[in-house]
Amino acid sequence: MRCFQSGLGIFKQVAWAAGCTAVGGIVGGPVGAMAGGLVGSFLGYRLSSDYDSLITVLQELTDDEKADLVKKVQELVGSTTIEALTRFIGCQVQRENLLNLLRSAAQDLKGG
């Protein structure tokens, strides 16, 4: 549930910022877009519900959940070494795969 709340909170913030940026740009050109973006970002921050970052969710995992996550990451990377992980995340597609794994694991482990 926490990952869903995080996603929804982030979406609300982005929607406010993007919407106000677009309106500000239409009304006031580049300066209006900048002002609209600032106002929209502030509104998005104030109007979205609280949510936890992925880092916070991962830090709150139990030791067993962390061990399970480490195993999943090692299976994805295909190795247990830090060098292999470094090479793995050097590619954008693989980096996205790793982030997706972390998000889904945090969501699964926390009952989201």
PDB file of N, CA and C in Angstrom:
ATOM      1  N   MET A   1       0.818  -1.189   0.000  1.00  0.00           N
ATOM      2  CA  MET A   1       0.000   0.000   0.000  1.00  0.00           C
ATOM      3  C   MET A   1       0.866   1.259   0.000  1.00  0.00           C
ATOM      4  N   ARG A   2       2.014   1.196   0.669  1.00  0.00           N
ATOM      5  CA  ARG A   2       2.875   2.374   0.746  1.00  0.00           C
ATOM      6  C   ARG A   2       3.391   2.780  -0.629  1.00  0.00           C
ATOM      7  N   CYS A   3       3.756   1.796  -1.458  1.00  0.00           N
ATOM      8  CA  CYS A   3       4.260   2.137  -2.788  1.00  0.00           C
ATOM      9  C   CYS A   3       3.161   2.771  -3.625  1.00  0.00           C
ATOM     10  N   PHE A   4       1.918   2.298  -3.446  1.00  0.00           N
ATOM     11  CA  PHE A   4       0.806   2.900  -4.168  1.00  0.00           C
ATOM     12  C   PHE A   4       0.614   4.341  -3.714  1.00  0.00           C
ATOM     13  N   GLN A   5       0.686   4.573  -2.383  1.00  0.00           N
ATOM     14  CA  GLN A   5       0.549   5.927  -1.863  1.00  0.00           C
ATOM     15  C   GLN A   5       1.672   6.818  -2.387  1.00  0.00           C
ATOM     16  N   SER A   6       2.882   6.265  -2.462  1.00  0.00           N
ATOM     17  CA  SER A   6       4.006   7.038  -2.975  1.00  0.00           C
ATOM     18  C   SER A   6       3.768   7.415  -4.432  1.00  0.00           C
ATOM     19  N   GLY A   7       3.358   6.445  -5.228  1.00  0.00           N
ATOM     20  CA  GLY A   7       3.094   6.707  -6.639  1.00  0.00           C
ATOM     21  C   GLY A   7       1.996   7.737  -6.836  1.00  0.00           C
ATOM     22  N   LEU A   8       0.944   7.626  -6.053  1.00  0.00           N
ATOM     23  CA  LEU A   8      -0.165   8.574  -6.159  1.00  0.00           C
ATOM     24  C   LEU A   8       0.269   9.972  -5.718  1.00  0.00           C
ATOM     25  N   GLY A   9       1.037  10.056  -4.632  1.00  0.00           N
ATOM     26  CA  GLY A   9       1.521  11.351  -4.164  1.00  0.00           C
ATOM     27  C   GLY A   9       2.420  12.023  -5.180  1.00  0.00           C
ATOM     28  N   ILE A  10       3.318  11.239  -5.763  1.00  0.00           N
ATOM     29  CA  ILE A  10       4.221  11.779  -6.786  1.00  0.00           C
ATOM     30  C   ILE A  10       3.428  12.225  -8.005  1.00  0.00           C
ATOM     31  N   PHE A  11       2.448  11.410  -8.418  1.00  0.00           N
ATOM     32  CA  PHE A  11       1.630  11.772  -9.577  1.00  0.00           C
ATOM     33  C   PHE A  11       0.904  13.090  -9.344  1.00  0.00           C
ATOM     34  N   LYS A  12       0.341  13.265  -8.148  1.00  0.00           N
ATOM     35  CA  LYS A  12      -0.367  14.516  -7.851  1.00  0.00           C
ATOM     36  C   LYS A  12       0.582  15.717  -7.933  1.00  0.00           C
ATOM     37  N   GLN A  13       1.773  15.559  -7.388  1.00  0.00           N
ATOM     38  CA  GLN A  13       2.735  16.664  -7.430  1.00  0.00           C
ATOM     39  C   GLN A  13       3.124  16.994  -8.862  1.00  0.00           C
ATOM     40  N   VAL A  14       3.376  15.975  -9.662  1.00  0.00           N
ATOM     41  CA  VAL A  14       3.758  16.196 -11.061  1.00  0.00           C
ATOM     42  C   VAL A  14       2.606  16.831 -11.833  1.00  0.00           C
ATOM     43  N   ALA A  15       1.386  16.359 -11.579  1.00  0.00           N
ATOM     44  CA  ALA A  15       0.228  16.899 -12.296  1.00  0.00           C
ATOM     45  C   ALA A  15       0.031  18.392 -11.993  1.00  0.00           C
ATOM     46  N   TRP A  16       0.133  18.766 -10.725  1.00  0.00           N
ATOM     47  CA  TRP A  16       0.005  20.179 -10.373  1.00  0.00           C
ATOM     48  C   TRP A  16       1.107  21.008 -11.028  1.00  0.00           C
ATOM     49  N   ALA A  17       2.347  20.531 -10.934  1.00  0.00           N
ATOM     50  CA  ALA A  17       3.471  21.284 -11.500  1.00  0.00           C
ATOM     51  C   ALA A  17       3.327  21.424 -13.014  1.00  0.00           C
ATOM     52  N   ALA A  18       2.991  20.321 -13.692  1.00  0.00           N
ATOM     53  CA  ALA A  18       2.870  20.366 -15.150  1.00  0.00           C
ATOM     54  C   ALA A  18       1.695  21.232 -15.588  1.00  0.00           C
ATOM     55  N   GLY A  19       0.572  21.079 -14.922  1.00  0.00           N
ATOM     56  CA  GLY A  19      -0.607  21.863 -15.287  1.00  0.00           C
ATOM     57  C   GLY A  19      -0.384  23.361 -15.122  1.00  0.00           C
ATOM     58  N   CYS A  20       0.180  23.732 -13.987  1.00  0.00           N
ATOM     59  CA  CYS A  20       0.430  25.163 -13.745  1.00  0.00           C
ATOM     60  C   CYS A  20       1.522  25.706 -14.664  1.00  0.00           C
ATOM     61  N   THR A  21       2.503  24.877 -14.994  1.00  0.00           N
ATOM     62  CA  THR A  21       3.543  25.305 -15.930  1.00  0.00           C
ATOM     63  C   THR A  21       2.930  25.584 -17.299  1.00  0.00           C
ATOM     64  N   ALA A  22       2.049  24.684 -17.743  1.00  0.00           N
ATOM     65  CA  ALA A  22       1.410  24.868 -19.045  1.00  0.00           C
ATOM     66  C   ALA A  22       0.534  26.124 -19.062  1.00  0.00           C
ATOM     67  N   VAL A  23      -0.279  26.297 -18.033  1.00  0.00           N
ATOM     68  CA  VAL A  23      -1.145  27.476 -17.967  1.00  0.00           C
ATOM     69  C   VAL A  23      -0.298  28.749 -17.897  1.00  0.00           C
ATOM     70  N   GLY A  24       0.735  28.719 -17.055  1.00  0.00           N
ATOM     71  CA  GLY A  24       1.612  29.889 -16.948  1.00  0.00           C
ATOM     72  C   GLY A  24       2.293  30.206 -18.257  1.00  0.00           C
ATOM     73  N   GLY A  25       2.704  29.179 -19.012  1.00  0.00           N
ATOM     74  CA  GLY A  25       3.336  29.396 -20.312  1.00  0.00           C
ATOM     75  C   GLY A  25       2.380  29.976 -21.327  1.00  0.00           C
ATOM     76  N   ILE A  26       1.147  29.514 -21.304  1.00  0.00           N
ATOM     77  CA  ILE A  26       0.143  30.037 -22.234  1.00  0.00           C
ATOM     78  C   ILE A  26      -0.155  31.503 -21.926  1.00  0.00           C
ATOM     79  N   VAL A  27      -0.291  31.811 -20.651  1.00  0.00           N
ATOM     80  CA  VAL A  27      -0.649  33.167 -20.240  1.00  0.00           C
ATOM     81  C   VAL A  27       0.530  34.126 -20.313  1.00  0.00           C
ATOM     82  N   GLY A  28       1.702  33.689 -19.855  1.00  0.00           N
ATOM     83  CA  GLY A  28       2.807  34.629 -19.712  1.00  0.00           C
ATOM     84  C   GLY A  28       4.080  34.266 -20.437  1.00  0.00           C
ATOM     85  N   GLY A  29       4.035  33.321 -21.354  1.00  0.00           N
ATOM     86  CA  GLY A  29       5.242  32.945 -22.086  1.00  0.00           C
ATOM     87  C   GLY A  29       6.246  32.225 -21.189  1.00  0.00           C
ATOM     88  N   PRO A  30       7.540  32.311 -21.531  1.00  0.00           N
ATOM     89  CA  PRO A  30       8.554  31.587 -20.753  1.00  0.00           C
ATOM     90  C   PRO A  30       8.597  31.978 -19.274  1.00  0.00           C
ATOM     91  N   VAL A  31       8.462  33.259 -18.978  1.00  0.00           N
ATOM     92  CA  VAL A  31       8.472  33.698 -17.574  1.00  0.00           C
ATOM     93  C   VAL A  31       7.223  33.180 -16.861  1.00  0.00           C
ATOM     94  N   GLY A  32       6.103  33.179 -17.546  1.00  0.00           N
ATOM     95  CA  GLY A  32       4.869  32.639 -16.974  1.00  0.00           C
ATOM     96  C   GLY A  32       4.963  31.150 -16.713  1.00  0.00           C
ATOM     97  N   ALA A  33       5.636  30.445 -17.620  1.00  0.00           N
ATOM     98  CA  ALA A  33       5.827  29.011 -17.417  1.00  0.00           C
ATOM     99  C   ALA A  33       6.673  28.754 -16.177  1.00  0.00           C
ATOM    100  N   MET A  34       7.716  29.560 -16.000  1.00  0.00           N
ATOM    101  CA  MET A  34       8.566  29.397 -14.819  1.00  0.00           C
ATOM    102  C   MET A  34       7.761  29.692 -13.549  1.00  0.00           C
ATOM    103  N   ALA A  35       7.034  30.777 -13.549  1.00  0.00           N
ATOM    104  CA  ALA A  35       6.224  31.133 -12.381  1.00  0.00           C
ATOM    105  C   ALA A  35       5.149  30.071 -12.131  1.00  0.00           C
ATOM    106  N   GLY A  36       4.509  29.622 -13.183  1.00  0.00           N
ATOM    107  CA  GLY A  36       3.493  28.574 -13.044  1.00  0.00           C
ATOM    108  C   GLY A  36       4.075  27.285 -12.503  1.00  0.00           C
ATOM    109  N   GLY A  37       5.276  26.947 -12.955  1.00  0.00           N
ATOM    110  CA  GLY A  37       5.936  25.746 -12.458  1.00  0.00           C
ATOM    111  C   GLY A  37       6.238  25.831 -10.974  1.00  0.00           C
ATOM    112  N   LEU A  38       6.686  27.005 -10.545  1.00  0.00           N
ATOM    113  CA  LEU A  38       6.963  27.200  -9.113  1.00  0.00           C
ATOM    114  C   LEU A  38       5.680  27.124  -8.289  1.00  0.00           C
ATOM    115  N   VAL A  39       4.647  27.808  -8.756  1.00  0.00           N
ATOM    116  CA  VAL A  39       3.367  27.781  -8.050  1.00  0.00           C
ATOM    117  C   VAL A  39       2.793  26.363  -8.055  1.00  0.00           C
ATOM    118  N   GLY A  40       2.836  25.698  -9.192  1.00  0.00           N
ATOM    119  CA  GLY A  40       2.315  24.337  -9.290  1.00  0.00           C
ATOM    120  C   GLY A  40       3.077  23.355  -8.414  1.00  0.00           C
ATOM    121  N   SER A  41       4.392  23.517  -8.351  1.00  0.00           N
ATOM    122  CA  SER A  41       5.189  22.648  -7.480  1.00  0.00           C
ATOM    123  C   SER A  41       4.810  22.844  -6.025  1.00  0.00           C
ATOM    124  N   PHE A  42       4.635  24.088  -5.626  1.00  0.00           N
ATOM    125  CA  PHE A  42       4.230  24.375  -4.248  1.00  0.00           C
ATOM    126  C   PHE A  42       2.846  23.802  -3.957  1.00  0.00           C
ATOM    127  N   LEU A  43       1.888  24.029  -4.873  1.00  0.00           N
ATOM    128  CA  LEU A  43       0.543  23.476  -4.677  1.00  0.00           C
ATOM    129  C   LEU A  43       0.573  21.954  -4.619  1.00  0.00           C
ATOM    130  N   GLY A  44       1.335  21.351  -5.499  1.00  0.00           N
ATOM    131  CA  GLY A  44       1.444  19.893  -5.494  1.00  0.00           C
ATOM    132  C   GLY A  44       1.995  19.373  -4.185  1.00  0.00           C
ATOM    133  N   TYR A  45       2.983  20.054  -3.658  1.00  0.00           N
ATOM    134  CA  TYR A  45       3.565  19.672  -2.369  1.00  0.00           C
ATOM    135  C   TYR A  45       2.539  19.800  -1.249  1.00  0.00           C
ATOM    136  N   ARG A  46       1.812  20.906  -1.232  1.00  0.00           N
ATOM    137  CA  ARG A  46       0.856  21.152  -0.156  1.00  0.00           C
ATOM    138  C   ARG A  46      -0.388  20.274  -0.251  1.00  0.00           C
ATOM    139  N   LEU A  47      -0.807  19.921  -1.465  1.00  0.00           N
ATOM    140  CA  LEU A  47      -2.075  19.212  -1.638  1.00  0.00           C
ATOM    141  C   LEU A  47      -1.938  17.705  -1.759  1.00  0.00           C
ATOM    142  N   SER A  48      -0.740  17.196  -1.921  1.00  0.00           N
ATOM    143  CA  SER A  48      -0.593  15.740  -2.019  1.00  0.00           C
ATOM    144  C   SER A  48      -0.488  15.147  -0.622  1.00  0.00           C
ATOM    145  N   SER A  49      -0.918  13.916  -0.501  1.00  0.00           N
ATOM    146  CA  SER A  49      -0.841  13.243   0.796  1.00  0.00           C
ATOM    147  C   SER A  49       0.601  12.825   1.080  1.00  0.00           C
ATOM    148  N   ASP A  50       0.889  12.591   2.344  1.00  0.00           N
ATOM    149  CA  ASP A  50       2.235  12.160   2.709  1.00  0.00           C
ATOM    150  C   ASP A  50       2.521  10.792   2.108  1.00  0.00           C
ATOM    151  N   TYR A  51       3.749  10.599   1.715  1.00  0.00           N
ATOM    152  CA  TYR A  51       4.168   9.300   1.200  1.00  0.00           C
ATOM    153  C   TYR A  51       5.634   9.103   1.526  1.00  0.00           C
ATOM    154  N   ASP A  52       6.046   7.846   1.511  1.00  0.00           N
ATOM    155  CA  ASP A  52       7.434   7.502   1.803  1.00  0.00           C
ATOM    156  C   ASP A  52       8.193   7.283   0.503  1.00  0.00           C
ATOM    157  N   SER A  53       9.463   7.645   0.522  1.00  0.00           N
ATOM    158  CA  SER A  53      10.309   7.376  -0.638  1.00  0.00           C
ATOM    159  C   SER A  53      10.648   5.888  -0.681  1.00  0.00           C
ATOM    160  N   LEU A  54      11.093   5.434  -1.818  1.00  0.00           N
ATOM    161  CA  LEU A  54      11.500   4.041  -1.969  1.00  0.00           C
ATOM    162  C   LEU A  54      12.606   3.708  -0.973  1.00  0.00           C
ATOM    163  N   ILE A  55      13.520   4.634  -0.748  1.00  0.00           N
ATOM    164  CA  ILE A  55      14.614   4.414   0.199  1.00  0.00           C
ATOM    165  C   ILE A  55      14.061   4.147   1.595  1.00  0.00           C
ATOM    166  N   THR A  56      13.085   4.941   2.024  1.00  0.00           N
ATOM    167  CA  THR A  56      12.490   4.760   3.348  1.00  0.00           C
ATOM    168  C   THR A  56      11.818   3.405   3.470  1.00  0.00           C
ATOM    169  N   VAL A  57      11.074   3.015   2.449  1.00  0.00           N
ATOM    170  CA  VAL A  57      10.399   1.714   2.474  1.00  0.00           C
ATOM    171  C   VAL A  57      11.430   0.594   2.563  1.00  0.00           C
ATOM    172  N   LEU A  58      12.503   0.696   1.791  1.00  0.00           N
ATOM    173  CA  LEU A  58      13.533  -0.346   1.815  1.00  0.00           C
ATOM    174  C   LEU A  58      14.250  -0.394   3.166  1.00  0.00           C
ATOM    175  N   GLN A  59      14.464   0.752   3.796  1.00  0.00           N
ATOM    176  CA  GLN A  59      15.130   0.786   5.096  1.00  0.00           C
ATOM    177  C   GLN A  59      14.281   0.134   6.176  1.00  0.00           C
ATOM    178  N   GLU A  60      12.989   0.140   6.015  1.00  0.00           N
ATOM    179  CA  GLU A  60      12.092  -0.417   7.021  1.00  0.00           C
ATOM    180  C   GLU A  60      11.858  -1.915   6.855  1.00  0.00           C
ATOM    181  N   LEU A  61      12.476  -2.534   5.845  1.00  0.00           N
ATOM    182  CA  LEU A  61      12.324  -3.976   5.663  1.00  0.00           C
ATOM    183  C   LEU A  61      12.991  -4.722   6.807  1.00  0.00           C
ATOM    184  N   THR A  62      12.436  -5.880   7.146  1.00  0.00           N
ATOM    185  CA  THR A  62      13.061  -6.731   8.150  1.00  0.00           C
ATOM    186  C   THR A  62      14.309  -7.371   7.551  1.00  0.00           C
ATOM    187  N   ASP A  63      15.130  -7.976   8.395  1.00  0.00           N
ATOM    188  CA  ASP A  63      16.342  -8.629   7.902  1.00  0.00           C
ATOM    189  C   ASP A  63      16.021  -9.747   6.915  1.00  0.00           C
ATOM    190  N   ASP A  64      14.958 -10.513   7.173  1.00  0.00           N
ATOM    191  CA  ASP A  64      14.560 -11.583   6.254  1.00  0.00           C
ATOM    192  C   ASP A  64      14.103 -11.013   4.913  1.00  0.00           C
ATOM    193  N   GLU A  65      13.354  -9.917   4.967  1.00  0.00           N
ATOM    194  CA  GLU A  65      12.897  -9.280   3.733  1.00  0.00           C
ATOM    195  C   GLU A  65      14.077  -8.712   2.946  1.00  0.00           C
ATOM    196  N   LYS A  66      15.045  -8.128   3.657  1.00  0.00           N
ATOM    197  CA  LYS A  66      16.248  -7.616   2.992  1.00  0.00           C
ATOM    198  C   LYS A  66      17.029  -8.739   2.342  1.00  0.00           C
ATOM    199  N   ALA A  67      17.163  -9.877   3.029  1.00  0.00           N
ATOM    200  CA  ALA A  67      17.883 -11.027   2.462  1.00  0.00           C
ATOM    201  C   ALA A  67      17.181 -11.533   1.199  1.00  0.00           C
ATOM    202  N   ASP A  68      15.855 -11.560   1.239  1.00  0.00           N
ATOM    203  CA  ASP A  68      15.090 -11.984   0.063  1.00  0.00           C
ATOM    204  C   ASP A  68      15.300 -11.015  -1.098  1.00  0.00           C
ATOM    205  N   LEU A  69      15.327  -9.729  -0.793  1.00  0.00           N
ATOM    206  CA  LEU A  69      15.547  -8.711  -1.830  1.00  0.00           C
ATOM    207  C   LEU A  69      16.946  -8.819  -2.422  1.00  0.00           C
ATOM    208  N   VAL A  70      17.940  -9.032  -1.573  1.00  0.00           N
ATOM    209  CA  VAL A  70      19.321  -9.209  -2.054  1.00  0.00           C
ATOM    210  C   VAL A  70      19.393 -10.394  -2.999  1.00  0.00           C
ATOM    211  N   LYS A  71      18.731 -11.484  -2.650  1.00  0.00           N
ATOM    212  CA  LYS A  71      18.722 -12.676  -3.505  1.00  0.00           C
ATOM    213  C   LYS A  71      18.100 -12.364  -4.871  1.00  0.00           C
ATOM    214  N   LYS A  72      16.992 -11.610  -4.864  1.00  0.00           N
ATOM    215  CA  LYS A  72      16.340 -11.252  -6.129  1.00  0.00           C
ATOM    216  C   LYS A  72      17.236 -10.372  -6.992  1.00  0.00           C
ATOM    217  N   VAL A  73      17.923  -9.414  -6.362  1.00  0.00           N
ATOM    218  CA  VAL A  73      18.829  -8.535  -7.113  1.00  0.00           C
ATOM    219  C   VAL A  73      19.984  -9.349  -7.692  1.00  0.00           C
ATOM    220  N   GLN A  74      20.543 -10.253  -6.914  1.00  0.00           N
ATOM    221  CA  GLN A  74      21.641 -11.085  -7.398  1.00  0.00           C
ATOM    222  C   GLN A  74      21.195 -11.965  -8.558  1.00  0.00           C
ATOM    223  N   GLU A  75      19.972 -12.471  -8.498  1.00  0.00           N
ATOM    224  CA  GLU A  75      19.439 -13.269  -9.614  1.00  0.00           C
ATOM    225  C   GLU A  75      19.279 -12.408 -10.864  1.00  0.00           C
ATOM    226  N   LEU A  76      18.796 -11.188 -10.692  1.00  0.00           N
ATOM    227  CA  LEU A  76      18.623 -10.278 -11.830  1.00  0.00           C
ATOM    228  C   LEU A  76      19.969  -9.929 -12.451  1.00  0.00           C
ATOM    229  N   VAL A  77      20.958  -9.611 -11.607  1.00  0.00           N
ATOM    230  CA  VAL A  77      22.281  -9.217 -12.085  1.00  0.00           C
ATOM    231  C   VAL A  77      23.036 -10.418 -12.641  1.00  0.00           C
ATOM    232  N   GLY A  78      22.808 -11.582 -12.040  1.00  0.00           N
ATOM    233  CA  GLY A  78      23.499 -12.787 -12.490  1.00  0.00           C
ATOM    234  C   GLY A  78      24.830 -12.986 -11.802  1.00  0.00           C
ATOM    235  N   SER A  79      25.048 -12.288 -10.707  1.00  0.00           N
ATOM    236  CA  SER A  79      26.309 -12.390  -9.973  1.00  0.00           C
ATOM    237  C   SER A  79      26.119 -11.824  -8.573  1.00  0.00           C
ATOM    238  N   THR A  80      27.090 -12.109  -7.705  1.00  0.00           N
ATOM    239  CA  THR A  80      27.044 -11.584  -6.345  1.00  0.00           C
ATOM    240  C   THR A  80      28.081 -10.496  -6.109  1.00  0.00           C
ATOM    241  N   THR A  81      28.833 -10.125  -7.135  1.00  0.00           N
ATOM    242  CA  THR A  81      29.909  -9.148  -6.937  1.00  0.00           C
ATOM    243  C   THR A  81      29.433  -7.723  -7.201  1.00  0.00           C
ATOM    244  N   ILE A  82      30.063  -6.791  -6.530  1.00  0.00           N
ATOM    245  CA  ILE A  82      29.733  -5.371  -6.714  1.00  0.00           C
ATOM    246  C   ILE A  82      30.150  -4.902  -8.108  1.00  0.00           C
ATOM    247  N   GLU A  83      31.206  -5.490  -8.648  1.00  0.00           N
ATOM    248  CA  GLU A  83      31.646  -5.126 -10.005  1.00  0.00           C
ATOM    249  C   GLU A  83      30.582  -5.484 -11.032  1.00  0.00           C
ATOM    250  N   ALA A  84      29.973  -6.658 -10.853  1.00  0.00           N
ATOM    251  CA  ALA A  84      28.913  -7.068 -11.779  1.00  0.00           C
ATOM    252  C   ALA A  84      27.710  -6.140 -11.657  1.00  0.00           C
ATOM    253  N   LEU A  85      27.376  -5.742 -10.439  1.00  0.00           N
ATOM    254  CA  LEU A  85      26.259  -4.812 -10.236  1.00  0.00           C
ATOM    255  C   LEU A  85      26.566  -3.470 -10.887  1.00  0.00           C
ATOM    256  N   THR A  86      27.796  -2.995 -10.735  1.00  0.00           N
ATOM    257  CA  THR A  86      28.198  -1.727 -11.339  1.00  0.00           C
ATOM    258  C   THR A  86      28.083  -1.783 -12.857  1.00  0.00           C
ATOM    259  N   ARG A  87      28.550  -2.874 -13.451  1.00  0.00           N
ATOM    260  CA  ARG A  87      28.419  -3.041 -14.911  1.00  0.00           C
ATOM    261  C   ARG A  87      26.948  -3.128 -15.309  1.00  0.00           C
ATOM    262  N   PHE A  88      26.175  -3.836 -14.512  1.00  0.00           N
ATOM    263  CA  PHE A  88      24.760  -4.042 -14.813  1.00  0.00           C
ATOM    264  C   PHE A  88      24.003  -2.721 -14.874  1.00  0.00           C
ATOM    265  N   ILE A  89      24.227  -1.852 -13.890  1.00  0.00           N
ATOM    266  CA  ILE A  89      23.473  -0.600 -13.864  1.00  0.00           C
ATOM    267  C   ILE A  89      24.041   0.448 -14.815  1.00  0.00           C
ATOM    268  N   GLY A  90      25.121   0.110 -15.521  1.00  0.00           N
ATOM    269  CA  GLY A  90      25.676   1.015 -16.523  1.00  0.00           C
ATOM    270  C   GLY A  90      24.776   1.164 -17.731  1.00  0.00           C
ATOM    271  N   CYS A  91      23.889   0.223 -17.939  1.00  0.00           N
ATOM    272  CA  CYS A  91      22.960   0.246 -19.076  1.00  0.00           C
ATOM    273  C   CYS A  91      21.604   0.749 -18.593  1.00  0.00           C
ATOM    274  N   GLN A  92      21.027   1.710 -19.284  1.00  0.00           N
ATOM    275  CA  GLN A  92      19.759   2.325 -18.892  1.00  0.00           C
ATOM    276  C   GLN A  92      18.647   1.290 -18.740  1.00  0.00           C
ATOM    277  N   VAL A  93      18.522   0.370 -19.668  1.00  0.00           N
ATOM    278  CA  VAL A  93      17.457  -0.630 -19.610  1.00  0.00           C
ATOM    279  C   VAL A  93      17.623  -1.500 -18.367  1.00  0.00           C
ATOM    280  N   GLN A  94      18.850  -1.912 -18.097  1.00  0.00           N
ATOM    281  CA  GLN A  94      19.093  -2.750 -16.929  1.00  0.00           C
ATOM    282  C   GLN A  94      18.882  -1.968 -15.635  1.00  0.00           C
ATOM    283  N   ARG A  95      19.239  -0.706 -15.645  1.00  0.00           N
ATOM    284  CA  ARG A  95      19.020   0.145 -14.474  1.00  0.00           C
ATOM    285  C   ARG A  95      17.522   0.251 -14.185  1.00  0.00           C
ATOM    286  N   GLU A  96      16.721   0.411 -15.231  1.00  0.00           N
ATOM    287  CA  GLU A  96      15.273   0.467 -15.070  1.00  0.00           C
ATOM    288  C   GLU A  96      14.736  -0.860 -14.556  1.00  0.00           C
ATOM    289  N   ASN A  97      15.282  -1.968 -15.058  1.00  0.00           N
ATOM    290  CA  ASN A  97      14.865  -3.283 -14.578  1.00  0.00           C
ATOM    291  C   ASN A  97      15.151  -3.430 -13.092  1.00  0.00           C
ATOM    292  N   LEU A  98      16.308  -2.952 -12.654  1.00  0.00           N
ATOM    293  CA  LEU A  98      16.661  -3.023 -11.242  1.00  0.00           C
ATOM    294  C   LEU A  98      15.718  -2.172 -10.397  1.00  0.00           C
ATOM    295  N   LEU A  99      15.426  -0.954 -10.830  1.00  0.00           N
ATOM    296  CA  LEU A  99      14.498  -0.102 -10.089  1.00  0.00           C
ATOM    297  C   LEU A  99      13.102  -0.707 -10.033  1.00  0.00           C
ATOM    298  N   ASN A 100      12.663  -1.298 -11.138  1.00  0.00           N
ATOM    299  CA  ASN A 100      11.355  -1.958 -11.143  1.00  0.00           C
ATOM    300  C   ASN A 100      11.329  -3.129 -10.173  1.00  0.00           C
ATOM    301  N   LEU A 101      12.414  -3.894 -10.115  1.00  0.00           N
ATOM    302  CA  LEU A 101      12.502  -4.999  -9.171  1.00  0.00           C
ATOM    303  C   LEU A 101      12.429  -4.489  -7.740  1.00  0.00           C
ATOM    304  N   LEU A 102      13.168  -3.417  -7.440  1.00  0.00           N
ATOM    305  CA  LEU A 102      13.155  -2.855  -6.086  1.00  0.00           C
ATOM    306  C   LEU A 102      11.766  -2.353  -5.715  1.00  0.00           C
ATOM    307  N   ARG A 103      11.119  -1.668  -6.650  1.00  0.00           N
ATOM    308  CA  ARG A 103       9.772  -1.156  -6.371  1.00  0.00           C
ATOM    309  C   ARG A 103       8.790  -2.297  -6.121  1.00  0.00           C
ATOM    310  N   SER A 104       8.799  -3.295  -7.006  1.00  0.00           N
ATOM    311  CA  SER A 104       7.836  -4.389  -6.853  1.00  0.00           C
ATOM    312  C   SER A 104       8.139  -5.210  -5.610  1.00  0.00           C
ATOM    313  N   ALA A 105       9.415  -5.406  -5.294  1.00  0.00           N
ATOM    314  CA  ALA A 105       9.765  -6.174  -4.093  1.00  0.00           C
ATOM    315  C   ALA A 105       9.327  -5.434  -2.848  1.00  0.00           C
ATOM    316  N   ALA A 106       9.558  -4.133  -2.804  1.00  0.00           N
ATOM    317  CA  ALA A 106       9.140  -3.348  -1.632  1.00  0.00           C
ATOM    318  C   ALA A 106       7.631  -3.381  -1.498  1.00  0.00           C
ATOM    319  N   GLN A 107       6.942  -3.304  -2.605  1.00  0.00           N
ATOM    320  CA  GLN A 107       5.492  -3.337  -2.573  1.00  0.00           C
ATOM    321  C   GLN A 107       5.005  -4.712  -2.124  1.00  0.00           C
ATOM    322  N   ASP A 108       5.582  -5.789  -2.660  1.00  0.00           N
ATOM    323  CA  ASP A 108       5.184  -7.145  -2.290  1.00  0.00           C
ATOM    324  C   ASP A 108       5.486  -7.434  -0.820  1.00  0.00           C
ATOM    325  N   LEU A 109       6.672  -7.033  -0.383  1.00  0.00           N
ATOM    326  CA  LEU A 109       7.092  -7.347   0.983  1.00  0.00           C
ATOM    327  C   LEU A 109       6.309  -6.563   2.017  1.00  0.00           C
ATOM    328  N   LYS A 110       5.862  -5.380   1.669  1.00  0.00           N
ATOM    329  CA  LYS A 110       5.106  -4.564   2.610  1.00  0.00           C
ATOM    330  C   LYS A 110       3.595  -4.683   2.412  1.00  0.00           C
ATOM    331  N   GLY A 111       3.190  -5.608   1.583  1.00  0.00           N
ATOM    332  CA  GLY A 111       1.755  -5.852   1.421  1.00  0.00           C
ATOM    333  C   GLY A 111       1.034  -4.840   0.586  1.00  0.00           C
ATOM    334  N   GLY A 112       1.747  -4.184  -0.337  1.00  0.00           N
ATOM    335  CA  GLY A 112       1.131  -3.153  -1.171  1.00  0.00           C
ATOM    336  C   GLY A 112       0.605  -3.696  -2.364  1.00  0.00           C
TER     337      GLY A 112
END
